[in-house]
């Protein structure tokens, strides 16, 4: 088991996209919920990253789906920040 962080999420954390301190409460809550979903998908990915599954190709495919979904949720957070910046100028 690798316990890796999906690259899109790790990059987003490094970019500060999940820093909520300066955001309006509703936006911060939405981003927090996305992050919790991402972490749950990460946990599912890690559980599927086990070499002894009887159907290893299925487990690998599902782990890939988790990574893809993490990427989509990270993009949703990026889009939220872009919309917020466009309306506030920050």
N, C-alpha and C. Protein backbone atom coordinates (compact mmCIF):
# COMPACT_ATOMS: atom_id res chain seq x y z
N UNK A 1 0.85 -1.18 0.00
CA UNK A 1 0.00 0.00 0.00
C UNK A 1 0.89 1.24 0.00
N UNK A 2 0.55 2.16 -0.86
CA UNK A 2 1.43 3.30 -1.03
C UNK A 2 1.13 4.44 -0.08
N UNK A 3 -0.12 4.71 0.20
CA UNK A 3 -0.47 5.84 1.05
C UNK A 3 -0.11 7.17 0.41
N UNK A 4 0.00 7.17 -0.91
CA UNK A 4 0.35 8.42 -1.60
C UNK A 4 -0.82 9.39 -1.62
N UNK A 5 -0.51 10.66 -1.72
CA UNK A 5 -1.56 11.65 -1.97
C UNK A 5 -1.67 11.82 -3.48
N UNK A 6 -2.89 11.83 -3.97
CA UNK A 6 -3.09 12.04 -5.40
C UNK A 6 -2.42 13.34 -5.81
N UNK A 7 -1.73 13.32 -6.93
CA UNK A 7 -0.97 14.49 -7.37
C UNK A 7 -1.80 15.76 -7.45
N UNK A 8 -3.00 15.73 -8.03
CA UNK A 8 -3.75 16.99 -8.09
C UNK A 8 -4.05 17.57 -6.71
N UNK A 9 -4.36 16.70 -5.77
CA UNK A 9 -4.66 17.18 -4.41
C UNK A 9 -3.40 17.72 -3.75
N UNK A 10 -2.30 17.01 -3.85
CA UNK A 10 -1.04 17.47 -3.25
C UNK A 10 -0.64 18.83 -3.82
N UNK A 11 -0.80 19.00 -5.13
CA UNK A 11 -0.47 20.29 -5.76
C UNK A 11 -1.41 21.39 -5.27
N UNK A 12 -2.69 21.06 -5.14
CA UNK A 12 -3.66 22.06 -4.68
C UNK A 12 -3.38 22.48 -3.24
N UNK A 13 -3.00 21.54 -2.41
CA UNK A 13 -2.64 21.87 -1.02
C UNK A 13 -1.42 22.78 -1.03
N UNK A 14 -0.43 22.44 -1.84
CA UNK A 14 0.78 23.26 -1.93
C UNK A 14 0.46 24.67 -2.43
N UNK A 15 -0.55 24.78 -3.30
CA UNK A 15 -0.97 26.09 -3.82
C UNK A 15 -1.84 26.86 -2.84
N UNK A 16 -2.22 26.24 -1.72
CA UNK A 16 -3.04 26.92 -0.72
C UNK A 16 -4.53 26.92 -1.02
N UNK A 17 -4.97 26.06 -1.93
CA UNK A 17 -6.39 26.07 -2.31
C UNK A 17 -7.32 25.59 -1.20
N UNK A 18 -6.78 24.91 -0.21
CA UNK A 18 -7.62 24.43 0.88
C UNK A 18 -7.42 25.23 2.16
N UNK A 19 -6.77 26.37 2.04
CA UNK A 19 -6.63 27.30 3.15
C UNK A 19 -7.91 28.13 3.21
N UNK A 20 -8.62 28.04 4.31
CA UNK A 20 -9.96 28.61 4.40
C UNK A 20 -10.03 29.91 5.18
N UNK A 21 -8.96 30.33 5.78
CA UNK A 21 -8.97 31.44 6.74
C UNK A 21 -9.52 32.74 6.18
N UNK A 22 -9.27 33.04 4.93
CA UNK A 22 -9.66 34.34 4.37
C UNK A 22 -10.93 34.27 3.52
N UNK A 23 -11.58 33.13 3.50
CA UNK A 23 -12.75 32.96 2.64
C UNK A 23 -14.04 33.23 3.41
N UNK A 24 -15.09 33.65 2.70
CA UNK A 24 -16.40 33.79 3.34
C UNK A 24 -16.85 32.42 3.88
N UNK A 25 -17.62 32.42 4.95
CA UNK A 25 -17.99 31.16 5.61
C UNK A 25 -18.64 30.12 4.70
N UNK A 26 -19.55 30.52 3.84
CA UNK A 26 -20.22 29.55 2.98
C UNK A 26 -19.24 28.93 1.98
N UNK A 27 -18.39 29.74 1.39
CA UNK A 27 -17.39 29.23 0.46
C UNK A 27 -16.40 28.32 1.19
N UNK A 28 -15.98 28.72 2.37
CA UNK A 28 -15.06 27.90 3.16
C UNK A 28 -15.70 26.55 3.50
N UNK A 29 -16.97 26.56 3.83
CA UNK A 29 -17.67 25.32 4.14
C UNK A 29 -17.75 24.40 2.92
N UNK A 30 -18.02 24.99 1.77
CA UNK A 30 -18.11 24.19 0.54
C UNK A 30 -16.75 23.56 0.22
N UNK A 31 -15.69 24.34 0.32
CA UNK A 31 -14.36 23.82 0.03
C UNK A 31 -13.97 22.76 1.06
N UNK A 32 -14.33 22.96 2.32
CA UNK A 32 -14.06 21.96 3.35
C UNK A 32 -14.76 20.64 3.01
N UNK A 33 -15.98 20.71 2.52
CA UNK A 33 -16.71 19.49 2.17
C UNK A 33 -16.05 18.79 0.98
N UNK A 34 -15.61 19.57 0.00
CA UNK A 34 -14.87 18.97 -1.11
C UNK A 34 -13.61 18.27 -0.60
N UNK A 35 -12.91 18.92 0.32
CA UNK A 35 -11.68 18.32 0.83
C UNK A 35 -11.98 17.03 1.59
N UNK A 36 -13.05 17.01 2.36
CA UNK A 36 -13.41 15.78 3.07
C UNK A 36 -13.74 14.66 2.09
N UNK A 37 -14.42 15.01 0.99
CA UNK A 37 -14.72 14.00 -0.04
C UNK A 37 -13.43 13.49 -0.69
N UNK A 38 -12.50 14.41 -0.95
CA UNK A 38 -11.22 14.02 -1.53
C UNK A 38 -10.48 13.06 -0.60
N UNK A 39 -10.46 13.38 0.68
CA UNK A 39 -9.77 12.51 1.64
C UNK A 39 -10.43 11.14 1.74
N UNK A 40 -11.75 11.09 1.61
CA UNK A 40 -12.46 9.81 1.61
C UNK A 40 -12.10 9.00 0.36
N UNK A 41 -12.04 9.67 -0.78
CA UNK A 41 -11.62 8.98 -2.01
C UNK A 41 -10.18 8.50 -1.90
N UNK A 42 -9.35 9.29 -1.24
CA UNK A 42 -7.96 8.88 -1.03
C UNK A 42 -7.90 7.63 -0.17
N UNK A 43 -8.74 7.58 0.86
CA UNK A 43 -8.79 6.39 1.72
C UNK A 43 -9.27 5.17 0.94
N UNK A 44 -10.25 5.37 0.06
CA UNK A 44 -10.73 4.26 -0.78
C UNK A 44 -9.61 3.79 -1.71
N UNK A 45 -8.90 4.75 -2.32
CA UNK A 45 -7.78 4.39 -3.19
C UNK A 45 -6.75 3.56 -2.42
N UNK A 46 -6.40 4.02 -1.23
CA UNK A 46 -5.40 3.31 -0.44
C UNK A 46 -5.86 1.90 -0.07
N UNK A 47 -7.15 1.74 0.24
CA UNK A 47 -7.68 0.41 0.56
C UNK A 47 -7.63 -0.52 -0.65
N UNK A 48 -7.81 0.05 -1.83
CA UNK A 48 -7.78 -0.75 -3.06
C UNK A 48 -6.36 -1.07 -3.52
N UNK A 49 -5.39 -0.38 -2.98
CA UNK A 49 -3.99 -0.58 -3.36
C UNK A 49 -3.39 -1.70 -2.50
N UNK A 50 -3.90 -2.89 -2.72
CA UNK A 50 -3.49 -4.07 -1.97
C UNK A 50 -3.22 -5.17 -2.99
N UNK A 51 -2.07 -5.79 -2.97
CA UNK A 51 -1.69 -6.72 -4.04
C UNK A 51 -2.38 -8.08 -4.00
N UNK A 52 -3.15 -8.37 -2.97
CA UNK A 52 -3.71 -9.71 -2.83
C UNK A 52 -5.19 -9.83 -3.21
N UNK A 53 -5.76 -8.79 -3.82
CA UNK A 53 -7.14 -8.91 -4.28
C UNK A 53 -7.24 -10.05 -5.30
N UNK A 54 -8.31 -10.84 -5.20
CA UNK A 54 -8.53 -11.90 -6.17
C UNK A 54 -8.69 -11.32 -7.56
N UNK A 55 -9.41 -10.21 -7.66
CA UNK A 55 -9.59 -9.53 -8.95
C UNK A 55 -8.77 -8.24 -8.94
N UNK A 56 -7.46 -8.40 -9.06
CA UNK A 56 -6.55 -7.25 -9.00
C UNK A 56 -6.84 -6.21 -10.09
N UNK A 57 -7.19 -6.61 -11.32
CA UNK A 57 -7.50 -5.59 -12.32
C UNK A 57 -8.71 -4.72 -11.93
N UNK A 58 -9.71 -5.32 -11.32
CA UNK A 58 -10.86 -4.55 -10.86
C UNK A 58 -10.44 -3.55 -9.78
N UNK A 59 -9.66 -4.01 -8.82
CA UNK A 59 -9.21 -3.12 -7.75
C UNK A 59 -8.38 -1.98 -8.32
N UNK A 60 -7.51 -2.29 -9.27
CA UNK A 60 -6.68 -1.25 -9.89
C UNK A 60 -7.55 -0.25 -10.65
N UNK A 61 -8.56 -0.74 -11.35
CA UNK A 61 -9.46 0.14 -12.10
C UNK A 61 -10.22 1.06 -11.13
N UNK A 62 -10.71 0.52 -10.04
CA UNK A 62 -11.44 1.33 -9.07
C UNK A 62 -10.52 2.35 -8.41
N UNK A 63 -9.27 1.98 -8.15
CA UNK A 63 -8.31 2.94 -7.59
C UNK A 63 -8.08 4.08 -8.57
N UNK A 64 -8.02 3.75 -9.85
CA UNK A 64 -7.86 4.79 -10.88
C UNK A 64 -9.08 5.71 -10.89
N UNK A 65 -10.27 5.14 -10.75
CA UNK A 65 -11.47 5.97 -10.68
C UNK A 65 -11.39 6.94 -9.50
N UNK A 66 -10.89 6.46 -8.37
CA UNK A 66 -10.73 7.34 -7.20
C UNK A 66 -9.81 8.50 -7.54
N UNK A 67 -8.67 8.20 -8.17
CA UNK A 67 -7.73 9.26 -8.55
C UNK A 67 -8.37 10.25 -9.51
N UNK A 68 -9.12 9.73 -10.49
CA UNK A 68 -9.79 10.61 -11.46
C UNK A 68 -10.80 11.52 -10.76
N UNK A 69 -11.56 10.95 -9.84
CA UNK A 69 -12.55 11.75 -9.12
C UNK A 69 -11.90 12.79 -8.22
N UNK A 70 -10.77 12.45 -7.62
CA UNK A 70 -10.03 13.43 -6.83
C UNK A 70 -9.65 14.60 -7.72
N UNK A 71 -9.15 14.31 -8.90
CA UNK A 71 -8.78 15.37 -9.84
C UNK A 71 -9.95 16.26 -10.20
N UNK A 72 -11.12 15.66 -10.40
CA UNK A 72 -12.31 16.45 -10.73
C UNK A 72 -12.72 17.34 -9.56
N UNK A 73 -12.65 16.84 -8.34
CA UNK A 73 -13.01 17.65 -7.18
C UNK A 73 -12.00 18.77 -6.95
N UNK A 74 -10.73 18.50 -7.18
CA UNK A 74 -9.72 19.56 -7.07
C UNK A 74 -10.02 20.65 -8.10
N UNK A 75 -10.39 20.25 -9.31
CA UNK A 75 -10.72 21.25 -10.33
C UNK A 75 -11.94 22.06 -9.91
N UNK A 76 -12.90 21.43 -9.27
CA UNK A 76 -14.08 22.17 -8.78
C UNK A 76 -13.66 23.23 -7.77
N UNK A 77 -12.70 22.90 -6.90
CA UNK A 77 -12.21 23.87 -5.92
C UNK A 77 -11.46 25.00 -6.63
N UNK A 78 -10.66 24.65 -7.62
CA UNK A 78 -9.97 25.69 -8.40
C UNK A 78 -10.99 26.63 -9.06
N UNK A 79 -12.04 26.05 -9.61
CA UNK A 79 -13.09 26.86 -10.25
C UNK A 79 -13.78 27.77 -9.24
N UNK A 80 -14.05 27.26 -8.04
CA UNK A 80 -14.66 28.10 -7.00
C UNK A 80 -13.77 29.28 -6.67
N UNK A 81 -12.48 29.03 -6.52
CA UNK A 81 -11.54 30.13 -6.24
C UNK A 81 -11.52 31.13 -7.39
N UNK A 82 -11.55 30.65 -8.61
CA UNK A 82 -11.52 31.55 -9.77
C UNK A 82 -12.77 32.42 -9.80
N UNK A 83 -13.94 31.84 -9.54
CA UNK A 83 -15.18 32.63 -9.51
C UNK A 83 -15.15 33.65 -8.38
N UNK A 84 -14.66 33.23 -7.22
CA UNK A 84 -14.56 34.14 -6.08
C UNK A 84 -13.62 35.30 -6.41
N UNK A 85 -12.49 34.99 -7.01
CA UNK A 85 -11.53 36.03 -7.40
C UNK A 85 -12.13 36.98 -8.43
N UNK A 86 -12.88 36.44 -9.37
CA UNK A 86 -13.49 37.27 -10.41
C UNK A 86 -14.52 38.23 -9.83
N UNK A 87 -15.24 37.81 -8.80
CA UNK A 87 -16.27 38.68 -8.24
C UNK A 87 -15.73 39.64 -7.19
N UNK A 88 -14.62 39.29 -6.55
CA UNK A 88 -14.10 40.15 -5.48
C UNK A 88 -12.82 40.89 -5.87
N UNK A 89 -12.16 40.43 -6.92
CA UNK A 89 -10.90 41.03 -7.31
C UNK A 89 -9.71 40.52 -6.52
N UNK A 90 -9.91 39.49 -5.69
CA UNK A 90 -8.81 38.91 -4.91
C UNK A 90 -8.34 37.62 -5.52
